[in-house]
Amino acid sequence: MRNLPKRLKKGDTVGVISPSSPPNPENLEKALPFLEELGLKVKMGKSVREKYGYLAGDDDARLADLHDMFEDPEVAGIICAGGGYGAARYADRIDYAMIKENPKVFWGYSDITFLHTAIGQYSDLVTFHGPMLASDVGKDTFHERSRRMFGQLFSPFELFYSEEVSELTALSGGAAEGELVGGNLSLIRSSIGTKFELDVKGKILLIEDIDEEPYQVDEMLNQLRMARKFDEAAGIVIGDFKNAEPKKREKSLTLDQVFENYFSGLQVPVVKGFKIGHCEPHFSVPLGVKARLDADNRSLTILPGVE
């Protein structure tokens, strides 16, 4: 079991960083009052609004923000402004020992998946897969349920996802328990063959993605299959795959057919339809805590992510 960060309380300061690409500045400004509504004060990272091509400042600047926020004793948690691309570029230079000594809430998703995996495996810290400020919170589409999910940072409660939240489909039956790990499929795939390769042995693997055509999802799943990830996992949670429509090819398998090809009849429980990912509402989850996936009853139970 990984270490749990301390829960947030009203009056705490959270650090805002852009570990990857530059966030939309208007959406970021619109999101900040939400943090104030939660009773939080905000400290902005130095490179949040920087632009270096498709990156929010160069690698040194973004890495410094990550380090500064974890080291700063006044910062109780860190919330990412957005994703995009670039977090993996400095993952091999992060001071994981320092993060382990300064455990705190770390929240984001999408490209942040690479940091979730790296921090989870090398700093032994539970982190949170949830909506980000400019990408989600600052948009008019931000859903009330997504808003409520931030409550898990303030008091430890078990999360329960059933068909009351959204329609779920079991592709393979049974039930399993294990640590919940994973996130964005593209980032999980990009970790294979590196020292940050996601360890899924005996764990519940979460996958989600956006803007990937069925053949691209197929290609990524095939790489995970050949890397034996599906043989090693205890269960698989299929989150939201937004805009997974065929664009380049007139003839295509559907995304559901691709999932059937890889997961139907697997020897572990596999359930699809979870609103986890680039979607509204976005059901936020802690990564690195114990979870139970029950395909027969189509439910997912997740232990609290804070102490």
C-alpha atoms as a PDB file:
ATOM      1  CA  MET A   1       0.000   0.000   0.000  1.00  0.00           C
ATOM      2  CA  ARG A   2       1.378   3.387  -1.000  1.00  0.00           C
ATOM      3  CA  ASN A   3       1.577   6.335   1.404  1.00  0.00           C
ATOM      4  CA  LEU A   4      -1.539   8.485   1.644  1.00  0.00           C
ATOM      5  CA  PRO A   5      -1.173  12.268   1.493  1.00  0.00           C
ATOM      6  CA  LYS A   6      -2.724  14.301   4.311  1.00  0.00           C
ATOM      7  CA  ARG A   7      -6.246  15.529   3.625  1.00  0.00           C
ATOM      8  CA  LEU A   8      -6.760  19.176   2.675  1.00  0.00           C
ATOM      9  CA  LYS A   9      -8.549  21.545   5.024  1.00  0.00           C
ATOM     10  CA  LYS A  10     -10.174  24.923   4.519  1.00  0.00           C
ATOM     11  CA  GLY A  11      -7.545  27.640   4.606  1.00  0.00           C
ATOM     12  CA  ASP A  12      -4.859  25.442   3.038  1.00  0.00           C
ATOM     13  CA  THR A  13      -2.772  26.666   0.117  1.00  0.00           C
ATOM     14  CA  VAL A  14      -2.614  24.636  -3.089  1.00  0.00           C
ATOM     15  CA  GLY A  15       0.072  25.057  -5.713  1.00  0.00           C
ATOM     16  CA  VAL A  16      -0.984  25.328  -9.360  1.00  0.00           C
ATOM     17  CA  ILE A  17       1.495  24.076 -11.972  1.00  0.00           C
ATOM     18  CA  SER A  18       1.562  23.334 -15.712  1.00  0.00           C
ATOM     19  CA  PRO A  19       3.743  20.211 -15.987  1.00  0.00           C
ATOM     20  CA  SER A  20       3.128  19.809 -19.726  1.00  0.00           C
ATOM     21  CA  SER A  21       1.632  22.286 -22.235  1.00  0.00           C
ATOM     22  CA  PRO A  22       0.530  25.903 -21.675  1.00  0.00           C
ATOM     23  CA  PRO A  23      -3.054  26.029 -20.344  1.00  0.00           C
ATOM     24  CA  ASN A  24      -5.764  28.214 -21.855  1.00  0.00           C
ATOM     25  CA  PRO A  25      -5.274  31.448 -19.842  1.00  0.00           C
ATOM     26  CA  GLU A  26      -8.951  32.525 -19.848  1.00  0.00           C
ATOM     27  CA  ASN A  27     -10.136  29.102 -18.668  1.00  0.00           C
ATOM     28  CA  LEU A  28      -7.463  29.069 -15.963  1.00  0.00           C
ATOM     29  CA  GLU A  29      -8.667  32.434 -14.610  1.00  0.00           C
ATOM     30  CA  LYS A  30     -12.274  31.213 -14.687  1.00  0.00           C
ATOM     31  CA  ALA A  31     -11.302  28.108 -12.676  1.00  0.00           C
ATOM     32  CA  LEU A  32      -9.584  29.879  -9.766  1.00  0.00           C
ATOM     33  CA  PRO A  33     -12.807  30.993  -7.975  1.00  0.00           C
ATOM     34  CA  PHE A  34     -13.730  27.282  -7.705  1.00  0.00           C
ATOM     35  CA  LEU A  35     -10.640  26.690  -5.540  1.00  0.00           C
ATOM     36  CA  GLU A  36     -11.644  29.673  -3.404  1.00  0.00           C
ATOM     37  CA  GLU A  37     -15.140  28.170  -3.022  1.00  0.00           C
ATOM     38  CA  LEU A  38     -13.448  25.050  -1.652  1.00  0.00           C
ATOM     39  CA  GLY A  39     -11.804  27.308   0.958  1.00  0.00           C
ATOM     40  CA  LEU A  40      -8.343  27.035  -0.590  1.00  0.00           C
ATOM     41  CA  LYS A  41      -5.699  29.665  -1.226  1.00  0.00           C
ATOM     42  CA  VAL A  42      -3.726  29.517  -4.464  1.00  0.00           C
ATOM     43  CA  LYS A  43       0.000  29.765  -5.157  1.00  0.00           C
ATOM     44  CA  MET A  44       0.892  29.925  -8.845  1.00  0.00           C
ATOM     45  CA  GLY A  45       3.938  28.144 -10.223  1.00  0.00           C
ATOM     46  CA  LYS A  46       6.410  30.418 -11.974  1.00  0.00           C
ATOM     47  CA  SER A  47       6.086  28.696 -15.357  1.00  0.00           C
ATOM     48  CA  VAL A  48       2.283  28.211 -15.383  1.00  0.00           C
ATOM     49  CA  ARG A  49       1.749  30.876 -18.041  1.00  0.00           C
ATOM     50  CA  GLU A  50       5.089  30.448 -19.838  1.00  0.00           C
ATOM     51  CA  LYS A  51       5.205  29.329 -23.463  1.00  0.00           C
ATOM     52  CA  TYR A  52       8.073  27.438 -25.022  1.00  0.00           C
ATOM     53  CA  GLY A  53       6.579  26.067 -28.224  1.00  0.00           C
ATOM     54  CA  TYR A  54       4.043  23.451 -27.144  1.00  0.00           C
ATOM     55  CA  LEU A  55       5.457  23.422 -23.585  1.00  0.00           C
ATOM     56  CA  ALA A  56       4.650  25.607 -20.571  1.00  0.00           C
ATOM     57  CA  GLY A  57       8.235  26.837 -20.255  1.00  0.00           C
ATOM     58  CA  ASP A  58      11.323  24.738 -20.832  1.00  0.00           C
ATOM     59  CA  ASP A  59      11.916  21.439 -19.019  1.00  0.00           C
ATOM     60  CA  ASP A  60      14.038  23.068 -16.293  1.00  0.00           C
ATOM     61  CA  ALA A  61      11.309  25.609 -15.487  1.00  0.00           C
ATOM     62  CA  ARG A  62       8.515  23.041 -15.331  1.00  0.00           C
ATOM     63  CA  LEU A  63      10.609  20.657 -13.258  1.00  0.00           C
ATOM     64  CA  ALA A  64      11.528  23.500 -10.871  1.00  0.00           C
ATOM     65  CA  ASP A  65       7.818  24.276 -10.351  1.00  0.00           C
ATOM     66  CA  LEU A  66       7.083  20.634  -9.523  1.00  0.00           C
ATOM     67  CA  HIS A  67      10.004  20.468  -7.077  1.00  0.00           C
ATOM     68  CA  ASP A  68       9.229  23.872  -5.502  1.00  0.00           C
ATOM     69  CA  MET A  69       5.600  22.964  -4.793  1.00  0.00           C
ATOM     70  CA  PHE A  70       6.482  19.636  -3.183  1.00  0.00           C
ATOM     71  CA  GLU A  71       9.248  21.232  -1.106  1.00  0.00           C
ATOM     72  CA  ASP A  72       7.259  24.297  -0.018  1.00  0.00           C
ATOM     73  CA  PRO A  73       5.950  23.612   3.523  1.00  0.00           C
ATOM     74  CA  GLU A  74       3.130  26.147   3.006  1.00  0.00           C
ATOM     75  CA  VAL A  75       1.711  24.193   0.046  1.00  0.00           C
ATOM     76  CA  ALA A  76      -0.655  21.381   1.134  1.00  0.00           C
ATOM     77  CA  GLY A  77      -1.512  20.067  -2.321  1.00  0.00           C
ATOM     78  CA  ILE A  78      -0.740  20.487  -6.020  1.00  0.00           C
ATOM     79  CA  ILE A  79      -3.348  20.796  -8.768  1.00  0.00           C
ATOM     80  CA  CYS A  80      -2.384  20.760 -12.437  1.00  0.00           C
ATOM     81  CA  ALA A  81      -3.667  23.541 -14.684  1.00  0.00           C
ATOM     82  CA  GLY A  82      -3.783  21.259 -17.716  1.00  0.00           C
ATOM     83  CA  GLY A  83      -2.177  18.442 -19.643  1.00  0.00           C
ATOM     84  CA  GLY A  84      -1.118  18.325 -23.276  1.00  0.00           C
ATOM     85  CA  TYR A  85       2.391  16.993 -23.749  1.00  0.00           C
ATOM     86  CA  GLY A  86       5.760  17.131 -22.029  1.00  0.00           C
ATOM     87  CA  ALA A  87       5.665  15.734 -18.488  1.00  0.00           C
ATOM     88  CA  ALA A  88       7.720  12.687 -19.473  1.00  0.00           C
ATOM     89  CA  ARG A  89      10.564  14.877 -20.798  1.00  0.00           C
ATOM     90  CA  TYR A  90      11.953  15.501 -17.298  1.00  0.00           C
ATOM     91  CA  ALA A  91      10.624  12.433 -15.442  1.00  0.00           C
ATOM     92  CA  ASP A  92      14.143  10.991 -15.181  1.00  0.00           C
ATOM     93  CA  ARG A  93      15.326  14.155 -13.360  1.00  0.00           C
ATOM     94  CA  ILE A  94      12.626  14.342 -10.671  1.00  0.00           C
ATOM     95  CA  ASP A  95      13.816  14.123  -7.067  1.00  0.00           C
ATOM     96  CA  TYR A  96      11.600  11.201  -6.018  1.00  0.00           C
ATOM     97  CA  ALA A  97      13.249  10.907  -2.585  1.00  0.00           C
ATOM     98  CA  MET A  98      12.292  14.530  -1.841  1.00  0.00           C
ATOM     99  CA  ILE A  99       8.690  13.893  -2.921  1.00  0.00           C
ATOM    100  CA  LYS A 100       8.577  10.804  -0.703  1.00  0.00           C
ATOM    101  CA  GLU A 101       9.668  12.964   2.257  1.00  0.00           C
ATOM    102  CA  ASN A 102       7.023  15.604   1.426  1.00  0.00           C
ATOM    103  CA  PRO A 103       3.890  13.601   0.595  1.00  0.00           C
ATOM    104  CA  LYS A 104       0.978  15.792  -0.450  1.00  0.00           C
ATOM    105  CA  VAL A 105      -2.075  15.748  -2.693  1.00  0.00           C
ATOM    106  CA  PHE A 106      -1.140  15.704  -6.399  1.00  0.00           C
ATOM    107  CA  TRP A 107      -4.083  16.001  -8.837  1.00  0.00           C
ATOM    108  CA  GLY A 108      -4.389  15.840 -12.637  1.00  0.00           C
ATOM    109  CA  TYR A 109      -4.837  13.421 -15.563  1.00  0.00           C
ATOM    110  CA  SER A 110      -4.166  12.944 -19.285  1.00  0.00           C
ATOM    111  CA  ASP A 111      -0.441  13.720 -19.897  1.00  0.00           C
ATOM    112  CA  ILE A 112      -0.076  13.823 -16.089  1.00  0.00           C
ATOM    113  CA  THR A 113      -0.484  10.013 -16.195  1.00  0.00           C
ATOM    114  CA  PHE A 114       3.282   9.740 -16.724  1.00  0.00           C
ATOM    115  CA  LEU A 115       3.866  11.631 -13.452  1.00  0.00           C
ATOM    116  CA  HIS A 116       1.237   9.555 -11.606  1.00  0.00           C
ATOM    117  CA  THR A 117       3.080   6.393 -12.627  1.00  0.00           C
ATOM    118  CA  ALA A 118       6.559   7.755 -11.869  1.00  0.00           C
ATOM    119  CA  ILE A 119       5.634   9.303  -8.495  1.00  0.00           C
ATOM    120  CA  GLY A 120       3.614   6.234  -7.527  1.00  0.00           C
ATOM    121  CA  GLN A 121       6.421   3.796  -8.313  1.00  0.00           C
ATOM    122  CA  TYR A 122       9.425   5.829  -7.114  1.00  0.00           C
ATOM    123  CA  SER A 123       7.977   8.027  -4.329  1.00  0.00           C
ATOM    124  CA  ASP A 124       5.424   5.465  -3.116  1.00  0.00           C
ATOM    125  CA  LEU A 125       2.695   8.131  -3.023  1.00  0.00           C
ATOM    126  CA  VAL A 126      -1.031   7.906  -3.762  1.00  0.00           C
ATOM    127  CA  THR A 127      -1.970  10.534  -6.397  1.00  0.00           C
ATOM    128  CA  PHE A 128      -5.296  11.615  -7.922  1.00  0.00           C
ATOM    129  CA  HIS A 129      -6.661  11.180 -11.452  1.00  0.00           C
ATOM    130  CA  GLY A 130      -9.097  14.079 -11.746  1.00  0.00           C
ATOM    131  CA  PRO A 131     -10.189  17.140 -13.772  1.00  0.00           C
ATOM    132  CA  MET A 132      -7.758  20.018 -14.186  1.00  0.00           C
ATOM    133  CA  LEU A 133      -8.261  23.749 -13.871  1.00  0.00           C
ATOM    134  CA  ALA A 134      -7.986  25.153 -17.398  1.00  0.00           C
ATOM    135  CA  SER A 135      -8.867  21.908 -19.205  1.00  0.00           C
ATOM    136  CA  ASP A 136     -12.063  21.227 -17.268  1.00  0.00           C
ATOM    137  CA  VAL A 137     -12.966  23.356 -14.234  1.00  0.00           C
ATOM    138  CA  GLY A 138     -12.825  26.663 -16.133  1.00  0.00           C
ATOM    139  CA  LYS A 139     -15.185  25.500 -18.899  1.00  0.00           C
ATOM    140  CA  ASP A 140     -18.963  26.000 -18.990  1.00  0.00           C
ATOM    141  CA  THR A 141     -19.367  22.221 -19.397  1.00  0.00           C
ATOM    142  CA  PHE A 142     -17.869  21.497 -15.929  1.00  0.00           C
ATOM    143  CA  HIS A 143     -20.392  19.158 -14.288  1.00  0.00           C
ATOM    144  CA  GLU A 144     -21.736  19.266 -10.750  1.00  0.00           C
ATOM    145  CA  ARG A 145     -20.671  15.655 -10.137  1.00  0.00           C
ATOM    146  CA  SER A 146     -17.108  16.494 -11.251  1.00  0.00           C
ATOM    147  CA  ARG A 147     -17.196  19.380  -8.787  1.00  0.00           C
ATOM    148  CA  ARG A 148     -18.310  17.152  -5.922  1.00  0.00           C
ATOM    149  CA  MET A 149     -15.480  14.681  -6.555  1.00  0.00           C
ATOM    150  CA  PHE A 150     -13.002  17.182  -5.077  1.00  0.00           C
ATOM    151  CA  GLY A 151     -14.634  16.414  -1.711  1.00  0.00           C
ATOM    152  CA  GLN A 152     -12.498  13.264  -1.454  1.00  0.00           C
ATOM    153  CA  LEU A 153      -9.473  15.512  -0.824  1.00  0.00           C
ATOM    154  CA  PHE A 154     -11.006  16.914   2.377  1.00  0.00           C
ATOM    155  CA  SER A 155     -12.224  13.754   4.088  1.00  0.00           C
ATOM    156  CA  PRO A 156     -11.336  10.100   3.560  1.00  0.00           C
ATOM    157  CA  PHE A 157     -14.298   8.281   2.032  1.00  0.00           C
ATOM    158  CA  GLU A 158     -14.684   5.137  -0.022  1.00  0.00           C
ATOM    159  CA  LEU A 159     -15.751   5.673  -3.627  1.00  0.00           C
ATOM    160  CA  PHE A 160     -18.373   3.408  -5.128  1.00  0.00           C
ATOM    161  CA  TYR A 161     -19.121   3.361  -8.853  1.00  0.00           C
ATOM    162  CA  SER A 162     -22.151   1.406 -10.014  1.00  0.00           C
ATOM    163  CA  GLU A 163     -24.635   1.590 -12.867  1.00  0.00           C
ATOM    164  CA  GLU A 164     -26.342   4.425 -11.006  1.00  0.00           C
ATOM    165  CA  VAL A 165     -23.457   6.608 -12.248  1.00  0.00           C
ATOM    166  CA  SER A 166     -23.399   5.381 -15.865  1.00  0.00           C
ATOM    167  CA  GLU A 167     -24.198   2.297 -17.917  1.00  0.00           C
ATOM    168  CA  LEU A 168     -21.491  -0.344 -17.504  1.00  0.00           C
ATOM    169  CA  THR A 169     -20.766  -3.432 -19.601  1.00  0.00           C
ATOM    170  CA  ALA A 170     -18.768  -6.471 -18.476  1.00  0.00           C
ATOM    171  CA  LEU A 171     -16.516  -7.831 -21.241  1.00  0.00           C
ATOM    172  CA  SER A 172     -15.170 -10.543 -18.956  1.00  0.00           C
ATOM    173  CA  GLY A 173     -16.662 -11.793 -15.702  1.00  0.00           C
ATOM    174  CA  GLY A 174     -15.488 -12.302 -12.135  1.00  0.00           C
ATOM    175  CA  ALA A 175     -14.215 -10.023  -9.393  1.00  0.00           C
ATOM    176  CA  ALA A 176     -10.742  -8.947  -8.320  1.00  0.00           C
ATOM    177  CA  GLU A 177      -8.985  -6.760  -5.796  1.00  0.00           C
ATOM    178  CA  GLY A 178      -5.758  -4.848  -6.271  1.00  0.00           C
ATOM    179  CA  GLU A 179      -4.112  -1.472  -6.354  1.00  0.00           C
ATOM    180  CA  LEU A 180      -5.734   0.859  -8.910  1.00  0.00           C
ATOM    181  CA  VAL A 181      -3.108   2.103 -11.408  1.00  0.00           C
ATOM    182  CA  GLY A 182      -2.968   3.561 -14.903  1.00  0.00           C
ATOM    183  CA  GLY A 183      -4.741   6.433 -16.618  1.00  0.00           C
ATOM    184  CA  ASN A 184      -4.196   7.643 -20.161  1.00  0.00           C
ATOM    185  CA  LEU A 185      -3.531   4.751 -22.548  1.00  0.00           C
ATOM    186  CA  SER A 186      -1.110   6.694 -24.787  1.00  0.00           C
ATOM    187  CA  LEU A 187       1.050   7.591 -21.776  1.00  0.00           C
ATOM    188  CA  ILE A 188       0.956   4.042 -20.378  1.00  0.00           C
ATOM    189  CA  ARG A 189       2.074   2.784 -23.782  1.00  0.00           C
ATOM    190  CA  SER A 190       4.860   5.403 -23.996  1.00  0.00           C
ATOM    191  CA  SER A 191       6.293   4.162 -20.672  1.00  0.00           C
ATOM    192  CA  ILE A 192       6.918   0.631 -21.989  1.00  0.00           C
ATOM    193  CA  GLY A 193      10.620  -0.154 -22.231  1.00  0.00           C
ATOM    194  CA  THR A 194      11.594   2.708 -19.884  1.00  0.00           C
ATOM    195  CA  LYS A 195      12.353   2.667 -16.151  1.00  0.00           C
ATOM    196  CA  PHE A 196       8.862   4.180 -15.733  1.00  0.00           C
ATOM    197  CA  GLU A 197       7.068   1.235 -17.324  1.00  0.00           C
ATOM    198  CA  LEU A 198       3.785   0.766 -15.502  1.00  0.00           C
ATOM    199  CA  ASP A 199       3.813  -2.189 -13.108  1.00  0.00           C
ATOM    200  CA  VAL A 200       0.391  -3.864 -13.317  1.00  0.00           C
ATOM    201  CA  LYS A 201       1.167  -7.192 -11.617  1.00  0.00           C
ATOM    202  CA  GLY A 202      -1.833  -8.106  -9.474  1.00  0.00           C
ATOM    203  CA  LYS A 203      -3.294  -4.615  -9.970  1.00  0.00           C
ATOM    204  CA  ILE A 204      -6.459  -3.129 -11.421  1.00  0.00           C
ATOM    205  CA  LEU A 205      -5.508  -1.324 -14.639  1.00  0.00           C
ATOM    206  CA  LEU A 206      -7.423   1.833 -15.611  1.00  0.00           C
ATOM    207  CA  ILE A 207      -7.289   3.009 -19.246  1.00  0.00           C
ATOM    208  CA  GLU A 208      -8.820   6.056 -20.957  1.00  0.00           C
ATOM    209  CA  ASP A 209      -7.940   8.289 -23.922  1.00  0.00           C
ATOM    210  CA  ILE A 210      -9.090  11.040 -26.290  1.00  0.00           C
ATOM    211  CA  ASP A 211      -9.012  11.652 -30.063  1.00  0.00           C
ATOM    212  CA  GLU A 212      -7.566   8.218 -30.885  1.00  0.00           C
ATOM    213  CA  GLU A 213      -9.166   6.360 -33.779  1.00  0.00           C
ATOM    214  CA  PRO A 214     -10.129   2.697 -33.237  1.00  0.00           C
ATOM    215  CA  TYR A 215      -7.036   1.475 -35.167  1.00  0.00           C
ATOM    216  CA  GLN A 216      -4.810   3.628 -32.916  1.00  0.00           C
ATOM    217  CA  VAL A 217      -6.437   2.261 -29.759  1.00  0.00           C
ATOM    218  CA  ASP A 218      -6.019  -1.217 -31.275  1.00  0.00           C
ATOM    219  CA  GLU A 219      -2.298  -0.602 -31.867  1.00  0.00           C
ATOM    220  CA  MET A 220      -1.749   0.600 -28.283  1.00  0.00           C
ATOM    221  CA  LEU A 221      -3.712  -2.274 -26.753  1.00  0.00           C
ATOM    222  CA  ASN A 222      -1.742  -4.715 -28.887  1.00  0.00           C
ATOM    223  CA  GLN A 223       1.522  -3.327 -27.540  1.00  0.00           C
ATOM    224  CA  LEU A 224       0.239  -3.688 -23.962  1.00  0.00           C
ATOM    225  CA  ARG A 225      -0.873  -7.241 -24.778  1.00  0.00           C
ATOM    226  CA  MET A 226       2.535  -8.169 -26.186  1.00  0.00           C
ATOM    227  CA  ALA A 227       4.208  -6.562 -23.158  1.00  0.00           C
ATOM    228  CA  ARG A 228       2.096  -9.060 -21.116  1.00  0.00           C
ATOM    229  CA  LYS A 229       0.222  -6.320 -19.249  1.00  0.00           C
ATOM    230  CA  PHE A 230      -3.127  -8.065 -19.691  1.00  0.00           C
ATOM    231  CA  ASP A 231      -1.657 -11.354 -18.452  1.00  0.00           C
ATOM    232  CA  GLU A 232      -0.326  -9.644 -15.329  1.00  0.00           C
ATOM    233  CA  ALA A 233      -3.260  -7.379 -14.387  1.00  0.00           C
ATOM    234  CA  ALA A 234      -5.873  -8.522 -11.855  1.00  0.00           C
ATOM    235  CA  GLY A 235      -8.639  -6.616 -13.646  1.00  0.00           C
ATOM    236  CA  ILE A 236      -9.239  -3.858 -16.206  1.00  0.00           C
ATOM    237  CA  VAL A 237     -11.344  -0.695 -15.871  1.00  0.00           C
ATOM    238  CA  ILE A 238     -12.130   0.896 -19.244  1.00  0.00           C
ATOM    239  CA  GLY A 239     -12.796   4.601 -18.833  1.00  0.00           C
ATOM    240  CA  ASP A 240     -13.965   7.156 -21.378  1.00  0.00           C
ATOM    241  CA  PHE A 241     -12.557   7.163 -24.928  1.00  0.00           C
ATOM    242  CA  LYS A 242     -13.713  10.539 -26.215  1.00  0.00           C
ATOM    243  CA  ASN A 243     -13.860  11.151 -29.986  1.00  0.00           C
ATOM    244  CA  ALA A 244     -12.660   7.617 -30.762  1.00  0.00           C
ATOM    245  CA  GLU A 245     -14.258   7.796 -34.196  1.00  0.00           C
ATOM    246  CA  PRO A 246     -12.714   6.616 -37.467  1.00  0.00           C
ATOM    247  CA  LYS A 247     -11.584   9.668 -39.457  1.00  0.00           C
ATOM    248  CA  LYS A 248      -8.817   8.594 -41.836  1.00  0.00           C
ATOM    249  CA  ARG A 249     -10.279   5.240 -42.843  1.00  0.00           C
ATOM    250  CA  GLU A 250     -13.689   4.681 -44.402  1.00  0.00           C
ATOM    251  CA  LYS A 251     -13.708   1.057 -43.265  1.00  0.00           C
ATOM    252  CA  SER A 252     -12.992   0.593 -39.584  1.00  0.00           C
ATOM    253  CA  LEU A 253     -13.703  -1.650 -36.681  1.00  0.00           C
ATOM    254  CA  THR A 254     -15.757   0.123 -34.035  1.00  0.00           C
ATOM    255  CA  LEU A 255     -14.092   0.901 -30.725  1.00  0.00           C
ATOM    256  CA  ASP A 256     -16.393  -1.688 -29.100  1.00  0.00           C
ATOM    257  CA  GLN A 257     -15.165  -4.332 -31.553  1.00  0.00           C
ATOM    258  CA  VAL A 258     -11.558  -3.461 -30.675  1.00  0.00           C
ATOM    259  CA  PHE A 259     -12.327  -3.857 -26.957  1.00  0.00           C
ATOM    260  CA  GLU A 260     -14.086  -7.171 -27.660  1.00  0.00           C
ATOM    261  CA  ASN A 261     -11.016  -8.424 -29.568  1.00  0.00           C
ATOM    262  CA  TYR A 262      -8.672  -7.774 -26.636  1.00  0.00           C
ATOM    263  CA  PHE A 263     -10.812  -8.275 -23.551  1.00  0.00           C
ATOM    264  CA  SER A 264     -13.666 -10.654 -24.275  1.00  0.00           C
ATOM    265  CA  GLY A 265     -12.985 -13.899 -22.455  1.00  0.00           C
ATOM    266  CA  LEU A 266      -9.884 -12.621 -20.667  1.00  0.00           C
ATOM    267  CA  GLN A 267      -9.342 -14.576 -17.447  1.00  0.00           C
ATOM    268  CA  VAL A 268      -9.814 -11.438 -15.299  1.00  0.00           C
ATOM    269  CA  PRO A 269     -12.773  -9.044 -14.829  1.00  0.00           C
ATOM    270  CA  VAL A 270     -13.031  -6.308 -17.469  1.00  0.00           C
ATOM    271  CA  VAL A 271     -15.724  -3.620 -17.353  1.00  0.00           C
ATOM    272  CA  LYS A 272     -16.241  -0.691 -19.747  1.00  0.00           C
ATOM    273  CA  GLY A 273     -18.353   2.467 -19.566  1.00  0.00           C
ATOM    274  CA  PHE A 274     -16.758   4.309 -16.634  1.00  0.00           C
ATOM    275  CA  LYS A 275     -16.948   8.105 -16.854  1.00  0.00           C
ATOM    276  CA  ILE A 276     -13.292   8.450 -15.996  1.00  0.00           C
ATOM    277  CA  GLY A 277     -11.229  10.539 -18.390  1.00  0.00           C
ATOM    278  CA  HIS A 278     -11.803  13.381 -20.854  1.00  0.00           C
ATOM    279  CA  CYS A 279     -15.527  13.480 -20.147  1.00  0.00           C
ATOM    280  CA  GLU A 280     -18.225  15.219 -18.132  1.00  0.00           C
ATOM    281  CA  PRO A 281     -19.009  14.263 -15.516  1.00  0.00           C
ATOM    282  CA  HIS A 282     -15.496  13.075 -14.669  1.00  0.00           C
ATOM    283  CA  PHE A 283     -15.392  10.569 -11.812  1.00  0.00           C
ATOM    284  CA  SER A 284     -12.093  11.316 -10.038  1.00  0.00           C
ATOM    285  CA  VAL A 285     -10.152   8.455  -8.458  1.00  0.00           C
ATOM    286  CA  PRO A 286      -7.057   8.009  -6.303  1.00  0.00           C
ATOM    287  CA  LEU A 287      -4.303   5.916  -7.899  1.00  0.00           C
ATOM    288  CA  GLY A 288      -2.263   3.533  -5.776  1.00  0.00           C
ATOM    289  CA  VAL A 289      -5.017   2.565  -3.320  1.00  0.00           C
ATOM    290  CA  LYS A 290      -6.758  -0.787  -3.118  1.00  0.00           C
ATOM    291  CA  ALA A 291      -9.834  -1.218  -5.305  1.00  0.00           C
ATOM    292  CA  ARG A 292     -12.320  -4.009  -6.000  1.00  0.00           C
ATOM    293  CA  LEU A 293     -13.680  -4.524  -9.518  1.00  0.00           C
ATOM    294  CA  ASP A 294     -16.775  -6.722  -9.648  1.00  0.00           C
ATOM    295  CA  ALA A 295     -17.685  -7.471 -13.263  1.00  0.00           C
ATOM    296  CA  ASP A 296     -20.634  -9.693 -12.326  1.00  0.00           C
ATOM    297  CA  ASN A 297     -22.307  -6.886 -10.378  1.00  0.00           C
ATOM    298  CA  ARG A 298     -20.745  -4.178 -12.578  1.00  0.00           C
ATOM    299  CA  SER A 299     -19.239  -2.084  -9.810  1.00  0.00           C
ATOM    300  CA  LEU A 300     -15.939  -0.565  -8.707  1.00  0.00           C
ATOM    301  CA  THR A 301     -15.126   0.173  -5.063  1.00  0.00           C
ATOM    302  CA  ILE A 302     -12.077   2.288  -4.227  1.00  0.00           C
ATOM    303  CA  LEU A 303     -10.561   2.966  -0.810  1.00  0.00           C
ATOM    304  CA  PRO A 304      -9.903   6.580   0.302  1.00  0.00           C
ATOM    305  CA  GLY A 305      -6.909   8.451  -1.119  1.00  0.00           C
ATOM    306  CA  VAL A 306      -6.137  10.738   1.844  1.00  0.00           C
ATOM    307  CA  GLU A 307      -5.510  10.183   5.529  1.00  0.00           C
END
